[in-house]
Protein backbone atom coordinates (compact mmCIF):
# COMPACT_ATOMS: atom_id res chain seq x y z
CA ILE A 1 54.22 -101.65 98.82
CA ARG A 2 56.05 -98.40 97.31
CA VAL A 3 57.50 -97.75 100.54
CA SER A 4 59.11 -100.90 100.66
CA ARG A 5 60.63 -100.36 97.04
CA ILE A 6 62.22 -97.41 97.44
CA LEU A 7 63.69 -98.25 101.02
CA SER A 8 65.17 -101.26 99.32
CA SER A 9 66.19 -99.62 96.38
CA GLY A 10 70.16 -99.04 95.10
CA TRP A 11 68.89 -95.09 95.11
CA PHE A 12 67.98 -94.85 98.67
CA LYS A 13 70.69 -96.82 99.87
CA LEU A 14 73.27 -94.41 98.21
CA SER A 15 71.75 -91.23 99.50
CA ILE A 16 71.03 -92.43 102.84
CA ALA A 17 75.13 -93.06 102.30
CA GLY A 18 75.77 -90.06 101.20
CA ILE A 19 74.21 -88.36 103.83
CA SER A 20 75.44 -90.28 106.58
CA ALA A 21 79.04 -89.34 105.30
CA SER A 22 78.11 -85.64 104.99
CA VAL A 23 77.10 -85.87 108.63
CA ILE A 24 80.17 -87.93 109.47
CA LEU A 25 82.68 -85.93 107.68
CA GLY A 26 81.02 -82.50 107.94
CA THR A 27 79.07 -80.85 104.97
CA GLY A 28 81.74 -78.52 104.03
CA TRP A 29 84.79 -81.62 104.08
CA GLY A 30 82.44 -83.54 101.14
CA ILE A 31 81.76 -80.71 99.29
CA SER A 32 85.99 -80.22 99.22
CA LEU A 33 85.93 -83.49 98.53
CA TRP A 34 84.14 -83.39 95.60
CA VAL A 35 85.61 -79.74 93.80
CA SER A 36 89.00 -81.30 94.52
CA ASN A 37 88.10 -84.04 92.38
CA ASP A 38 86.50 -82.32 89.31
CA TYR A 39 89.72 -79.84 89.53
CA LEU A 40 91.83 -82.80 89.24
CA ARG A 41 89.62 -84.69 87.09
CA LYS A 42 90.04 -81.31 84.51
CA GLY A 43 94.20 -81.09 85.30
CA VAL A 44 94.86 -84.71 84.83
CA GLN A 45 92.97 -84.09 81.31
CA ASP A 46 94.78 -81.00 80.26
CA LEU A 47 97.86 -82.24 81.14
CA GLN A 48 96.82 -85.34 78.67
CA ALA A 49 96.33 -82.67 76.44
CA GLU A 50 99.73 -81.31 76.88
CA GLN A 51 97.86 -77.42 78.05
CA TYR A 52 100.27 -77.18 80.77
CA GLN A 53 99.44 -73.44 81.59
CA SER A 54 95.69 -75.09 81.99
CA ALA A 55 96.78 -77.66 83.77
CA ARG A 56 98.79 -75.72 86.42
CA ALA A 57 95.54 -73.78 87.39
CA ASP A 58 93.43 -76.63 87.85
CA LEU A 59 95.03 -78.14 89.81
CA GLU A 60 96.16 -75.59 91.81
CA THR A 61 92.82 -75.34 92.20
CA ALA A 62 92.26 -78.55 93.29
CA VAL A 63 95.03 -78.67 95.68
CA LYS A 64 93.31 -75.21 97.58
CA TRP A 65 90.18 -76.89 98.17
CA ASN A 66 91.96 -80.37 99.32
CA THR A 67 95.58 -79.82 100.68
CA ARG A 68 96.02 -83.51 101.58
CA SER A 69 95.66 -84.71 97.99
CA ALA A 70 98.78 -86.60 97.27
CA VAL A 71 97.82 -86.99 93.70
CA ALA A 72 96.51 -83.52 93.10
CA HIS A 73 100.20 -82.45 94.39
CA ASN A 74 102.00 -84.91 92.04
CA ASN A 75 99.90 -83.57 88.99
CA LEU A 76 100.75 -80.45 90.16
CA GLY A 77 104.64 -81.29 90.11
CA LEU A 78 103.97 -82.59 86.72
CA SER A 79 102.69 -79.41 85.04
CA CYS A 80 105.10 -76.89 86.89
CA TYR A 81 107.95 -79.64 85.36
CA TYR A 82 106.37 -79.33 81.85
CA LEU A 83 106.20 -75.72 82.02
CA GLY A 84 109.97 -75.39 83.53
CA ASP A 85 109.26 -73.98 86.84
CA ASP A 86 111.63 -76.81 88.66
CA ASP A 87 110.94 -75.35 92.30
CA CYS A 88 107.27 -75.57 92.01
CA ALA A 89 107.66 -79.17 90.83
CA ILE A 90 109.97 -80.37 93.35
CA SER A 91 107.93 -78.56 96.19
CA HIS A 92 104.80 -80.21 95.02
CA TYR A 93 106.40 -83.76 94.53
CA ASN A 94 107.89 -83.49 97.87
CA ARG A 95 104.35 -82.35 99.42
CA ALA A 96 102.85 -85.79 97.30
CA ILE A 97 106.04 -87.83 99.05
CA SER A 98 104.82 -86.72 102.76
CA LEU A 99 101.65 -87.17 102.42
CA SER A 100 101.89 -91.04 101.10
CA PRO A 101 105.05 -92.00 101.28
CA ASP A 102 104.55 -95.03 99.21
CA TYR A 103 103.50 -92.94 96.35
CA TRP A 104 106.01 -94.01 93.77
CA GLN A 105 104.89 -91.67 90.90
CA ALA A 106 105.85 -88.53 93.40
CA TYR A 107 109.80 -90.13 93.94
CA TYR A 108 109.87 -91.17 90.20
CA ASN A 109 108.82 -87.73 88.54
CA LEU A 110 111.18 -86.10 91.37
CA GLY A 111 114.06 -88.18 89.79
CA THR A 112 113.29 -87.46 86.43
CA LEU A 113 113.06 -83.89 87.34
CA TYR A 114 116.79 -84.09 89.19
CA ASP A 115 118.21 -86.20 86.13
CA ARG A 116 117.15 -83.54 83.88
CA GLN A 117 118.88 -80.74 86.05
CA ASN A 118 122.15 -83.30 85.89
CA ARG A 119 121.72 -83.72 89.84
CA PRO A 120 122.84 -88.01 90.21
CA ASP A 121 124.08 -87.06 93.50
CA LEU A 122 120.54 -86.70 94.84
C-alpha cells in the first residue's frame, strides 16, 4: 500500500518528469537552463531596483548559460540602455528579435533607444 501511495503521489510524478527531461534534454542542458533562469531572475530584480550595473552582470551570466534566451537578451539590452551603452543595447535587442521575431518588447525597447538617439528614420 505504501508503494502505491508513493507511485501515485505528485512528488513522485514530478521527480520522474524531471528525470525524463534530463534524459531527453541531457543533464547539462537542464542545469544550464536552471542556472540561466536564476541569473535572469536576479537581473530582473536588479533592474526593478535600478541597480543597472549589477543587473548587467547577472544578465550577462544568464546569457552565457543560455545564449538562446530572448528574454535574457532583451533585459540585458535594457540594462545596457540605462547604463548608456547604446551599442550593447542595440546588439542584445537585435539578438532577442532574431531569437523570437514576435517578441514585441524588444522592438519597443529598440525603438525607444533610437528615439533617444533622435533617429526617427530607423
